[in-house]
Amino acid sequence: MAKYSSKINRIRTFALSLIFIGFIVMYGGIFFRNSPLVMTIFMILGLLFIVASTVVYFWIGMLSTKTIQVICPGCGKPTKMLGRVDMCMYCREPLTLDRNLEGKEFDEKYNRKKS
């Protein structure tokens, strides 16, 4: 069985990883202290990763205002849903609002638009 998580949590994890990558790239610049140009390039690249993280956090924040909030039948906590199928943010219960998908095995492919 594949490991699934809430789409919102997955995007937030990606944004957090961008911050850590940015810091690692910046620390990599310390090894080039003797070459100010290379060190500056590393610092700017690290800063760009952190700015990209800020953009992703802003984007997911705006996206999460348009989500549907549902009560999870598994844990009873309110969770946000993106798309036709999603997972509970707390207990990873598969969720859907589409009656045609009720009872079917969870698959993220249901969120893709059919061509």
N, C-alpha and C. Protein backbone atom coordinates (compact mmCIF):
# COMPACT_ATOMS: atom_id res chain seq x y z
N MET A 1 0.85 -1.18 0.00
CA MET A 1 0.00 0.00 0.00
C MET A 1 0.89 1.24 0.00
N ALA A 2 0.55 2.18 -0.84
CA ALA A 2 1.33 3.42 -0.92
C ALA A 2 1.06 4.30 0.29
N LYS A 3 2.04 5.11 0.62
CA LYS A 3 1.89 6.02 1.76
C LYS A 3 1.33 7.34 1.25
N TYR A 4 0.15 7.69 1.71
CA TYR A 4 -0.51 8.92 1.28
C TYR A 4 -0.53 9.90 2.43
N SER A 5 -0.63 11.17 2.10
CA SER A 5 -0.82 12.20 3.12
C SER A 5 -1.71 13.28 2.53
N SER A 6 -2.18 14.13 3.37
CA SER A 6 -3.01 15.24 2.95
C SER A 6 -2.23 16.12 1.97
N LYS A 7 -2.91 16.59 0.93
CA LYS A 7 -2.23 17.41 -0.07
C LYS A 7 -1.69 18.70 0.53
N ILE A 8 -2.44 19.29 1.43
CA ILE A 8 -1.99 20.53 2.07
C ILE A 8 -0.73 20.27 2.89
N ASN A 9 -0.71 19.18 3.64
CA ASN A 9 0.48 18.86 4.44
C ASN A 9 1.68 18.55 3.56
N ARG A 10 1.45 17.90 2.42
CA ARG A 10 2.55 17.57 1.52
C ARG A 10 3.18 18.83 0.95
N ILE A 11 2.35 19.82 0.60
CA ILE A 11 2.88 21.07 0.04
C ILE A 11 3.61 21.86 1.12
N ARG A 12 3.07 21.85 2.35
CA ARG A 12 3.75 22.54 3.46
C ARG A 12 5.10 21.89 3.76
N THR A 13 5.17 20.58 3.67
CA THR A 13 6.44 19.89 3.89
C THR A 13 7.45 20.27 2.82
N PHE A 14 6.98 20.39 1.59
CA PHE A 14 7.86 20.81 0.49
C PHE A 14 8.40 22.22 0.76
N ALA A 15 7.54 23.13 1.21
CA ALA A 15 7.98 24.50 1.50
C ALA A 15 9.00 24.52 2.64
N LEU A 16 8.78 23.70 3.66
CA LEU A 16 9.73 23.63 4.76
C LEU A 16 11.07 23.08 4.30
N SER A 17 11.03 22.09 3.40
CA SER A 17 12.29 21.54 2.88
C SER A 17 13.04 22.58 2.06
N LEU A 18 12.33 23.48 1.38
CA LEU A 18 13.00 24.55 0.65
C LEU A 18 13.78 25.46 1.59
N ILE A 19 13.24 25.71 2.77
CA ILE A 19 13.96 26.54 3.75
C ILE A 19 15.25 25.86 4.17
N PHE A 20 15.17 24.56 4.49
CA PHE A 20 16.38 23.85 4.92
C PHE A 20 17.40 23.76 3.79
N ILE A 21 16.94 23.54 2.57
CA ILE A 21 17.86 23.50 1.43
C ILE A 21 18.55 24.85 1.28
N GLY A 22 17.79 25.93 1.45
CA GLY A 22 18.37 27.27 1.37
C GLY A 22 19.45 27.49 2.41
N PHE A 23 19.20 27.05 3.64
CA PHE A 23 20.22 27.19 4.69
C PHE A 23 21.45 26.36 4.39
N ILE A 24 21.26 25.15 3.89
CA ILE A 24 22.39 24.28 3.57
C ILE A 24 23.24 24.89 2.45
N VAL A 25 22.56 25.44 1.43
CA VAL A 25 23.30 26.08 0.33
C VAL A 25 24.07 27.29 0.87
N MET A 26 23.45 28.05 1.76
CA MET A 26 24.15 29.21 2.33
C MET A 26 25.37 28.77 3.15
N TYR A 27 25.20 27.73 3.96
CA TYR A 27 26.35 27.22 4.72
C TYR A 27 27.43 26.69 3.79
N GLY A 28 27.03 26.15 2.64
CA GLY A 28 28.01 25.71 1.65
C GLY A 28 28.88 26.85 1.17
N GLY A 29 28.35 28.05 1.19
CA GLY A 29 29.12 29.22 0.79
C GLY A 29 30.27 29.52 1.72
N ILE A 30 30.21 29.04 2.97
CA ILE A 30 31.29 29.27 3.93
C ILE A 30 32.58 28.61 3.47
N PHE A 31 32.48 27.52 2.74
CA PHE A 31 33.68 26.82 2.27
C PHE A 31 34.44 27.62 1.22
N PHE A 32 33.80 28.66 0.70
CA PHE A 32 34.43 29.48 -0.34
C PHE A 32 34.70 30.89 0.17
N ARG A 33 35.12 31.00 1.41
CA ARG A 33 35.40 32.31 2.02
C ARG A 33 36.50 33.07 1.28
N ASN A 34 37.41 32.32 0.69
CA ASN A 34 38.53 32.96 -0.01
C ASN A 34 38.11 33.56 -1.35
N SER A 35 36.96 33.13 -1.85
CA SER A 35 36.47 33.65 -3.14
C SER A 35 35.13 34.34 -2.90
N PRO A 36 35.15 35.65 -2.73
CA PRO A 36 33.92 36.38 -2.42
C PRO A 36 32.82 36.21 -3.48
N LEU A 37 33.20 36.09 -4.74
CA LEU A 37 32.20 35.93 -5.79
C LEU A 37 31.43 34.62 -5.64
N VAL A 38 32.15 33.51 -5.44
CA VAL A 38 31.50 32.20 -5.30
C VAL A 38 30.67 32.17 -4.02
N MET A 39 31.21 32.74 -2.94
CA MET A 39 30.47 32.78 -1.68
C MET A 39 29.18 33.59 -1.84
N THR A 40 29.25 34.69 -2.56
CA THR A 40 28.06 35.51 -2.79
C THR A 40 27.03 34.76 -3.62
N ILE A 41 27.49 34.00 -4.60
CA ILE A 41 26.57 33.21 -5.43
C ILE A 41 25.83 32.19 -4.56
N PHE A 42 26.57 31.50 -3.66
CA PHE A 42 25.93 30.53 -2.78
C PHE A 42 24.91 31.21 -1.86
N MET A 43 25.26 32.37 -1.34
CA MET A 43 24.35 33.09 -0.44
C MET A 43 23.08 33.53 -1.18
N ILE A 44 23.25 34.00 -2.40
CA ILE A 44 22.08 34.43 -3.18
C ILE A 44 21.21 33.23 -3.56
N LEU A 45 21.85 32.11 -3.93
CA LEU A 45 21.07 30.90 -4.23
C LEU A 45 20.27 30.43 -3.01
N GLY A 46 20.93 30.44 -1.85
CA GLY A 46 20.23 30.07 -0.61
C GLY A 46 19.07 31.00 -0.33
N LEU A 47 19.27 32.28 -0.54
CA LEU A 47 18.21 33.25 -0.34
C LEU A 47 17.06 33.00 -1.31
N LEU A 48 17.37 32.63 -2.54
CA LEU A 48 16.32 32.33 -3.53
C LEU A 48 15.48 31.12 -3.10
N PHE A 49 16.13 30.11 -2.52
CA PHE A 49 15.37 28.96 -2.01
C PHE A 49 14.42 29.40 -0.90
N ILE A 50 14.87 30.26 -0.03
CA ILE A 50 14.03 30.73 1.08
C ILE A 50 12.90 31.60 0.55
N VAL A 51 13.17 32.43 -0.44
CA VAL A 51 12.11 33.24 -1.05
C VAL A 51 11.09 32.33 -1.75
N ALA A 52 11.57 31.28 -2.42
CA ALA A 52 10.67 30.33 -3.06
C ALA A 52 9.79 29.65 -2.02
N SER A 53 10.35 29.34 -0.87
CA SER A 53 9.56 28.75 0.21
C SER A 53 8.47 29.70 0.66
N THR A 54 8.80 30.98 0.78
CA THR A 54 7.80 31.97 1.18
C THR A 54 6.67 32.03 0.16
N VAL A 55 7.01 31.98 -1.12
CA VAL A 55 6.00 32.00 -2.17
C VAL A 55 5.10 30.78 -2.08
N VAL A 56 5.69 29.60 -1.85
CA VAL A 56 4.90 28.37 -1.73
C VAL A 56 4.00 28.43 -0.51
N TYR A 57 4.52 28.92 0.62
CA TYR A 57 3.68 29.06 1.82
C TYR A 57 2.52 30.02 1.56
N PHE A 58 2.78 31.13 0.88
CA PHE A 58 1.72 32.07 0.55
C PHE A 58 0.69 31.42 -0.36
N TRP A 59 1.16 30.69 -1.38
CA TRP A 59 0.27 30.02 -2.33
C TRP A 59 -0.62 29.00 -1.63
N ILE A 60 -0.05 28.16 -0.77
CA ILE A 60 -0.87 27.15 -0.08
C ILE A 60 -1.80 27.80 0.92
N GLY A 61 -1.39 28.93 1.48
CA GLY A 61 -2.29 29.66 2.38
C GLY A 61 -3.50 30.19 1.63
N MET A 62 -3.28 30.74 0.45
CA MET A 62 -4.39 31.22 -0.36
C MET A 62 -5.25 30.05 -0.85
N LEU A 63 -4.60 28.96 -1.21
CA LEU A 63 -5.32 27.78 -1.68
C LEU A 63 -6.17 27.16 -0.57
N SER A 64 -5.65 27.17 0.64
CA SER A 64 -6.39 26.54 1.74
C SER A 64 -7.60 27.36 2.16
N THR A 65 -7.68 28.63 1.75
CA THR A 65 -8.89 29.39 2.05
C THR A 65 -10.04 28.97 1.14
N LYS A 66 -9.72 28.31 0.02
CA LYS A 66 -10.74 27.87 -0.93
C LYS A 66 -11.10 26.39 -0.75
N THR A 67 -10.56 25.75 0.27
CA THR A 67 -10.83 24.33 0.47
C THR A 67 -12.18 24.12 1.14
N ILE A 68 -12.63 22.90 1.10
CA ILE A 68 -13.87 22.52 1.77
C ILE A 68 -13.48 21.92 3.11
N GLN A 69 -14.08 22.42 4.18
CA GLN A 69 -13.79 21.88 5.51
C GLN A 69 -14.85 20.83 5.83
N VAL A 70 -14.39 19.63 6.16
CA VAL A 70 -15.28 18.53 6.49
C VAL A 70 -14.89 17.95 7.84
N ILE A 71 -15.82 17.23 8.44
CA ILE A 71 -15.54 16.52 9.68
C ILE A 71 -15.17 15.09 9.30
N CYS A 72 -13.99 14.66 9.74
CA CYS A 72 -13.52 13.32 9.41
C CYS A 72 -14.39 12.28 10.13
N PRO A 73 -14.88 11.29 9.39
CA PRO A 73 -15.68 10.25 10.05
C PRO A 73 -14.84 9.34 10.95
N GLY A 74 -13.52 9.32 10.72
CA GLY A 74 -12.66 8.44 11.51
C GLY A 74 -12.31 9.02 12.87
N CYS A 75 -11.85 10.27 12.90
CA CYS A 75 -11.39 10.86 14.17
C CYS A 75 -12.31 11.96 14.68
N GLY A 76 -13.24 12.43 13.84
CA GLY A 76 -14.18 13.45 14.27
C GLY A 76 -13.62 14.87 14.28
N LYS A 77 -12.40 15.07 13.77
CA LYS A 77 -11.79 16.40 13.76
C LYS A 77 -12.08 17.07 12.42
N PRO A 78 -12.20 18.41 12.43
CA PRO A 78 -12.38 19.11 11.16
C PRO A 78 -11.09 19.10 10.35
N THR A 79 -11.18 18.82 9.08
CA THR A 79 -10.02 18.78 8.20
C THR A 79 -10.37 19.44 6.87
N LYS A 80 -9.37 19.89 6.16
CA LYS A 80 -9.59 20.55 4.87
C LYS A 80 -9.37 19.56 3.74
N MET A 81 -10.20 19.68 2.71
CA MET A 81 -10.13 18.77 1.59
C MET A 81 -9.85 19.52 0.30
N LEU A 82 -8.87 19.05 -0.46
CA LEU A 82 -8.57 19.59 -1.79
C LEU A 82 -8.86 18.52 -2.82
N GLY A 83 -9.63 18.83 -3.83
CA GLY A 83 -9.90 17.88 -4.89
C GLY A 83 -11.06 16.95 -4.58
N ARG A 84 -11.22 15.92 -5.42
CA ARG A 84 -12.31 14.95 -5.24
C ARG A 84 -12.01 13.98 -4.10
N VAL A 85 -10.73 13.61 -3.94
CA VAL A 85 -10.33 12.71 -2.86
C VAL A 85 -9.14 13.33 -2.13
N ASP A 86 -9.08 13.10 -0.84
CA ASP A 86 -7.98 13.59 -0.02
C ASP A 86 -7.92 12.72 1.23
N MET A 87 -6.89 12.95 2.04
CA MET A 87 -6.74 12.23 3.30
C MET A 87 -6.99 13.19 4.45
N CYS A 88 -7.45 12.64 5.57
CA CYS A 88 -7.59 13.44 6.78
C CYS A 88 -6.20 13.88 7.22
N MET A 89 -6.08 15.14 7.66
CA MET A 89 -4.78 15.67 8.08
C MET A 89 -4.30 15.02 9.38
N TYR A 90 -5.20 14.39 10.13
CA TYR A 90 -4.85 13.87 11.45
C TYR A 90 -4.73 12.35 11.46
N CYS A 91 -5.74 11.64 10.94
CA CYS A 91 -5.72 10.18 11.05
C CYS A 91 -5.51 9.48 9.70
N ARG A 92 -5.36 10.24 8.62
CA ARG A 92 -5.11 9.72 7.27
C ARG A 92 -6.24 8.83 6.76
N GLU A 93 -7.45 9.14 7.17
CA GLU A 93 -8.64 8.47 6.65
C GLU A 93 -8.91 8.98 5.24
N PRO A 94 -9.16 8.09 4.26
CA PRO A 94 -9.50 8.56 2.92
C PRO A 94 -10.85 9.29 2.95
N LEU A 95 -10.91 10.44 2.28
CA LEU A 95 -12.12 11.25 2.26
C LEU A 95 -12.53 11.54 0.81
N THR A 96 -13.82 11.59 0.57
CA THR A 96 -14.34 12.01 -0.72
C THR A 96 -15.72 12.62 -0.52
N LEU A 97 -16.06 13.56 -1.38
CA LEU A 97 -17.41 14.12 -1.40
C LEU A 97 -18.17 13.62 -2.63
N ASP A 98 -17.50 12.86 -3.50
CA ASP A 98 -18.10 12.33 -4.72
C ASP A 98 -18.78 11.00 -4.41
N ARG A 99 -20.08 10.96 -4.55
CA ARG A 99 -20.84 9.73 -4.23
C ARG A 99 -20.42 8.56 -5.13
N ASN A 100 -19.95 8.85 -6.34
CA ASN A 100 -19.53 7.78 -7.26
C ASN A 100 -18.26 7.09 -6.77
N LEU A 101 -17.48 7.73 -5.91
CA LEU A 101 -16.22 7.16 -5.44
C LEU A 101 -16.35 6.50 -4.07
N GLU A 102 -17.50 6.62 -3.42
CA GLU A 102 -17.67 6.01 -2.10
C GLU A 102 -17.54 4.50 -2.19
N GLY A 103 -16.78 3.94 -1.29
CA GLY A 103 -16.58 2.50 -1.25
C GLY A 103 -15.44 2.00 -2.13
N LYS A 104 -14.94 2.84 -3.04
CA LYS A 104 -13.82 2.44 -3.88
C LYS A 104 -12.52 2.64 -3.12
N GLU A 105 -11.49 1.91 -3.54
CA GLU A 105 -10.18 2.05 -2.91
C GLU A 105 -9.60 3.42 -3.23
N PHE A 106 -8.94 4.02 -2.24
CA PHE A 106 -8.39 5.37 -2.39
C PHE A 106 -7.31 5.38 -3.45
N ASP A 107 -7.40 6.34 -4.37
CA ASP A 107 -6.38 6.52 -5.40
C ASP A 107 -6.34 8.00 -5.76
N GLU A 108 -5.15 8.60 -5.70
CA GLU A 108 -5.02 10.02 -5.99
C GLU A 108 -5.29 10.34 -7.45
N LYS A 109 -5.35 9.34 -8.31
CA LYS A 109 -5.62 9.57 -9.73
C LYS A 109 -7.03 10.11 -9.95
N TYR A 110 -7.92 9.95 -8.96
CA TYR A 110 -9.27 10.48 -9.10
C TYR A 110 -9.29 11.99 -9.14
N ASN A 111 -8.23 12.65 -8.71
CA ASN A 111 -8.17 14.12 -8.71
C ASN A 111 -7.76 14.67 -10.07
N ARG A 112 -7.21 13.85 -10.94
CA ARG A 112 -6.78 14.31 -12.26
C ARG A 112 -7.98 14.49 -13.17
N LYS A 113 -7.90 15.53 -13.99
CA LYS A 113 -8.97 15.76 -14.95
C LYS A 113 -8.84 14.77 -16.09
N LYS A 114 -9.96 14.20 -16.47
CA LYS A 114 -9.94 13.23 -17.57
C LYS A 114 -9.86 13.96 -18.89
N SER A 115 -9.01 13.47 -19.79
CA SER A 115 -8.84 14.12 -21.10
C SER A 115 -9.88 13.65 -22.06
